[in-house]
């Protein structure tokens, strides 16, 4: 799979999950076994907005040539995926998220996306071309 295709897929995932979290925070929270209170719904909507933004950014840069900008973007995405994995796992182990079925798909997705971002970061060759497209 090429980096542009991977970033397109990652964008679609972020846009879809972000839109769902923004528009239907209660449904998403209940699927995890979390009470959809006013405060948790606000935080879910904020997370949704951030995911929508990340999806737009990933889509916009999907065809960039190897560059420091692309390296920073891939690195940031790795941090996001590992961070979300750890946060959800800790939330489940501390009984904040009470439904295992609400986090297993996410944990698998975070692992797969992190692997993809690491792969494309490690295989990016900045020595051959570090210009951005016009």
C-alpha atoms as a PDB file:
ATOM      1  CA  UNK A   1       0.000   0.000   0.000  1.00  0.00           C
ATOM      2  CA  UNK A   2       1.307   3.465  -0.812  1.00  0.00           C
ATOM      3  CA  UNK A   3       1.535   6.291   1.704  1.00  0.00           C
ATOM      4  CA  UNK A   4      -1.150   8.387  -0.085  1.00  0.00           C
ATOM      5  CA  UNK A   5      -3.586   5.456   0.046  1.00  0.00           C
ATOM      6  CA  UNK A   6      -2.793   4.798   3.710  1.00  0.00           C
ATOM      7  CA  UNK A   7      -3.301   8.474   4.590  1.00  0.00           C
ATOM      8  CA  UNK A   8      -6.558   8.501   2.621  1.00  0.00           C
ATOM      9  CA  UNK A   9      -7.801   5.505   4.632  1.00  0.00           C
ATOM     10  CA  UNK A  10      -6.601   7.057   7.911  1.00  0.00           C
ATOM     11  CA  UNK A  11      -8.360  10.298   6.914  1.00  0.00           C
ATOM     12  CA  UNK A  12     -11.609   8.503   6.198  1.00  0.00           C
ATOM     13  CA  UNK A  13     -11.457   6.753   9.586  1.00  0.00           C
ATOM     14  CA  UNK A  14     -10.741  10.007  11.444  1.00  0.00           C
ATOM     15  CA  UNK A  15     -13.465  11.884   9.551  1.00  0.00           C
ATOM     16  CA  UNK A  16     -16.036   9.127  10.149  1.00  0.00           C
ATOM     17  CA  UNK A  17     -15.314   8.618  13.845  1.00  0.00           C
ATOM     18  CA  UNK A  18     -14.961  12.380  14.374  1.00  0.00           C
ATOM     19  CA  UNK A  19     -18.289  13.143  12.741  1.00  0.00           C
ATOM     20  CA  UNK A  20     -20.009  10.401  14.739  1.00  0.00           C
ATOM     21  CA  UNK A  21     -18.500  11.635  18.032  1.00  0.00           C
ATOM     22  CA  UNK A  22     -19.446  15.219  17.225  1.00  0.00           C
ATOM     23  CA  UNK A  23     -23.022  14.462  16.180  1.00  0.00           C
ATOM     24  CA  UNK A  24     -23.883  11.474  18.398  1.00  0.00           C
ATOM     25  CA  UNK A  25     -21.723  11.663  21.532  1.00  0.00           C
ATOM     26  CA  UNK A  26     -24.290   9.858  23.697  1.00  0.00           C
ATOM     27  CA  UNK A  27     -24.435   6.838  21.400  1.00  0.00           C
ATOM     28  CA  UNK A  28     -20.645   6.557  21.326  1.00  0.00           C
ATOM     29  CA  UNK A  29     -20.353   6.925  25.104  1.00  0.00           C
ATOM     30  CA  UNK A  30     -23.076   4.330  25.760  1.00  0.00           C
ATOM     31  CA  UNK A  31     -21.311   1.881  23.412  1.00  0.00           C
ATOM     32  CA  UNK A  32     -18.340   2.070  25.783  1.00  0.00           C
ATOM     33  CA  UNK A  33     -20.450   1.736  28.915  1.00  0.00           C
ATOM     34  CA  UNK A  34     -19.986   5.388  29.886  1.00  0.00           C
ATOM     35  CA  UNK A  35     -22.907   7.497  31.073  1.00  0.00           C
ATOM     36  CA  UNK A  36     -23.659  10.205  28.509  1.00  0.00           C
ATOM     37  CA  UNK A  37     -23.672  13.132  30.937  1.00  0.00           C
ATOM     38  CA  UNK A  38     -23.418  16.755  29.836  1.00  0.00           C
ATOM     39  CA  UNK A  39     -19.683  16.942  30.626  1.00  0.00           C
ATOM     40  CA  UNK A  40     -18.774  13.644  28.949  1.00  0.00           C
ATOM     41  CA  UNK A  41     -20.804  14.623  25.895  1.00  0.00           C
ATOM     42  CA  UNK A  42     -18.930  17.935  25.643  1.00  0.00           C
ATOM     43  CA  UNK A  43     -15.575  16.129  25.814  1.00  0.00           C
ATOM     44  CA  UNK A  44     -16.726  13.578  23.251  1.00  0.00           C
ATOM     45  CA  UNK A  45     -17.758  16.392  20.905  1.00  0.00           C
ATOM     46  CA  UNK A  46     -14.384  18.100  21.422  1.00  0.00           C
ATOM     47  CA  UNK A  47     -12.647  14.827  20.594  1.00  0.00           C
ATOM     48  CA  UNK A  48     -14.851  14.488  17.527  1.00  0.00           C
ATOM     49  CA  UNK A  49     -13.896  17.940  16.329  1.00  0.00           C
ATOM     50  CA  UNK A  50     -10.201  17.168  16.804  1.00  0.00           C
ATOM     51  CA  UNK A  51     -10.572  13.915  14.856  1.00  0.00           C
ATOM     52  CA  UNK A  52     -12.397  15.709  12.038  1.00  0.00           C
ATOM     53  CA  UNK A  53      -9.562  18.208  11.884  1.00  0.00           C
ATOM     54  CA  UNK A  54      -6.938  15.461  11.888  1.00  0.00           C
ATOM     55  CA  UNK A  55      -8.773  13.715   9.065  1.00  0.00           C
ATOM     56  CA  UNK A  56      -8.789  16.902   6.995  1.00  0.00           C
ATOM     57  CA  UNK A  57      -5.072  17.499   7.634  1.00  0.00           C
ATOM     58  CA  UNK A  58      -4.107  13.898   6.808  1.00  0.00           C
ATOM     59  CA  UNK A  59      -6.125  14.057   3.602  1.00  0.00           C
ATOM     60  CA  UNK A  60      -4.609  17.409   2.610  1.00  0.00           C
ATOM     61  CA  UNK A  61      -1.025  16.189   2.987  1.00  0.00           C
ATOM     62  CA  UNK A  62      -1.472  12.659   1.677  1.00  0.00           C
ATOM     63  CA  UNK A  63       0.449  13.401  -1.542  1.00  0.00           C
ATOM     64  CA  UNK A  64       3.272  15.467  -0.051  1.00  0.00           C
ATOM     65  CA  UNK A  65       6.750  14.429  -1.033  1.00  0.00           C
ATOM     66  CA  UNK A  66       9.074  13.390   1.802  1.00  0.00           C
ATOM     67  CA  UNK A  67       9.720  16.426   3.978  1.00  0.00           C
ATOM     68  CA  UNK A  68      10.168  17.576   7.520  1.00  0.00           C
ATOM     69  CA  UNK A  69       6.508  18.581   7.496  1.00  0.00           C
ATOM     70  CA  UNK A  70       5.391  15.094   6.554  1.00  0.00           C
ATOM     71  CA  UNK A  71       7.770  13.593   9.120  1.00  0.00           C
ATOM     72  CA  UNK A  72       6.228  15.776  11.833  1.00  0.00           C
ATOM     73  CA  UNK A  73       2.713  14.834  10.745  1.00  0.00           C
ATOM     74  CA  UNK A  74       3.449  11.105  10.770  1.00  0.00           C
ATOM     75  CA  UNK A  75       5.171  11.414  14.158  1.00  0.00           C
ATOM     76  CA  UNK A  76       2.193  13.282  15.601  1.00  0.00           C
ATOM     77  CA  UNK A  77      -0.161  10.613  14.315  1.00  0.00           C
ATOM     78  CA  UNK A  78       1.942   7.914  15.977  1.00  0.00           C
ATOM     79  CA  UNK A  79       1.713   9.756  19.306  1.00  0.00           C
ATOM     80  CA  UNK A  80      -2.062  10.100  18.900  1.00  0.00           C
ATOM     81  CA  UNK A  81      -2.580   6.402  18.163  1.00  0.00           C
ATOM     82  CA  UNK A  82      -0.356   5.179  21.009  1.00  0.00           C
ATOM     83  CA  UNK A  83      -1.830   7.748  23.395  1.00  0.00           C
ATOM     84  CA  UNK A  84      -5.429   6.846  22.590  1.00  0.00           C
ATOM     85  CA  UNK A  85      -4.596   3.150  22.946  1.00  0.00           C
ATOM     86  CA  UNK A  86      -3.104   3.668  26.410  1.00  0.00           C
ATOM     87  CA  UNK A  87      -5.881   6.020  27.573  1.00  0.00           C
ATOM     88  CA  UNK A  88      -8.661   3.641  26.552  1.00  0.00           C
ATOM     89  CA  UNK A  89      -6.907   0.611  28.025  1.00  0.00           C
ATOM     90  CA  UNK A  90      -6.361   2.421  31.343  1.00  0.00           C
ATOM     91  CA  UNK A  91      -9.946   3.671  31.348  1.00  0.00           C
ATOM     92  CA  UNK A  92     -11.178   0.110  30.940  1.00  0.00           C
ATOM     93  CA  UNK A  93      -8.827  -1.282  33.586  1.00  0.00           C
ATOM     94  CA  UNK A  94     -10.031   1.445  36.000  1.00  0.00           C
ATOM     95  CA  UNK A  95     -13.714   0.744  35.224  1.00  0.00           C
ATOM     96  CA  UNK A  96     -14.275   4.146  33.638  1.00  0.00           C
ATOM     97  CA  UNK A  97     -15.079   2.437  30.350  1.00  0.00           C
ATOM     98  CA  UNK A  98     -17.098  -0.614  31.362  1.00  0.00           C
ATOM     99  CA  UNK A  99     -17.747  -2.430  28.076  1.00  0.00           C
ATOM    100  CA  UNK A 100     -14.843  -4.365  26.600  1.00  0.00           C
ATOM    101  CA  UNK A 101     -16.789  -4.498  23.331  1.00  0.00           C
ATOM    102  CA  UNK A 102     -16.606  -0.706  23.303  1.00  0.00           C
ATOM    103  CA  UNK A 103     -12.818  -0.613  23.192  1.00  0.00           C
ATOM    104  CA  UNK A 104     -11.583  -3.779  21.446  1.00  0.00           C
ATOM    105  CA  UNK A 105     -12.283  -2.457  17.916  1.00  0.00           C
ATOM    106  CA  UNK A 106     -10.615   0.850  18.840  1.00  0.00           C
ATOM    107  CA  UNK A 107      -7.557  -0.833  20.328  1.00  0.00           C
ATOM    108  CA  UNK A 108      -7.086  -2.939  17.199  1.00  0.00           C
ATOM    109  CA  UNK A 109      -7.544   0.139  15.006  1.00  0.00           C
ATOM    110  CA  UNK A 110      -5.039   2.178  17.059  1.00  0.00           C
ATOM    111  CA  UNK A 111      -2.449  -0.608  16.759  1.00  0.00           C
ATOM    112  CA  UNK A 112      -2.920  -0.974  13.001  1.00  0.00           C
ATOM    113  CA  UNK A 113      -2.832   2.785  12.380  1.00  0.00           C
ATOM    114  CA  UNK A 114       0.238   3.214  14.603  1.00  0.00           C
ATOM    115  CA  UNK A 115       2.027   0.445  12.686  1.00  0.00           C
ATOM    116  CA  UNK A 116       1.155   2.147   9.396  1.00  0.00           C
ATOM    117  CA  UNK A 117       2.341   5.562  10.540  1.00  0.00           C
ATOM    118  CA  UNK A 118       5.587   4.071  11.914  1.00  0.00           C
ATOM    119  CA  UNK A 119       6.167   2.146   8.691  1.00  0.00           C
ATOM    120  CA  UNK A 120       5.750   5.203   6.488  1.00  0.00           C
ATOM    121  CA  UNK A 121       7.851   7.342   8.814  1.00  0.00           C
ATOM    122  CA  UNK A 122      10.690   4.788   8.839  1.00  0.00           C
ATOM    123  CA  UNK A 123      10.623   4.249   5.077  1.00  0.00           C
ATOM    124  CA  UNK A 124      10.539   7.949   4.207  1.00  0.00           C
ATOM    125  CA  UNK A 125      13.779   9.002   2.559  1.00  0.00           C
ATOM    126  CA  UNK A 126      14.463  12.674   3.188  1.00  0.00           C
ATOM    127  CA  UNK A 127      17.815  12.549   1.382  1.00  0.00           C
ATOM    128  CA  UNK A 128      16.368  12.140  -2.105  1.00  0.00           C
ATOM    129  CA  UNK A 129      13.677  14.799  -2.154  1.00  0.00           C
ATOM    130  CA  UNK A 130      12.669  17.185   0.598  1.00  0.00           C
ATOM    131  CA  UNK A 131      10.537  19.546  -1.411  1.00  0.00           C
ATOM    132  CA  UNK A 132       6.811  20.060  -1.112  1.00  0.00           C
ATOM    133  CA  UNK A 133       4.550  19.863  -4.184  1.00  0.00           C
ATOM    134  CA  UNK A 134       3.462  23.096  -5.830  1.00  0.00           C
END
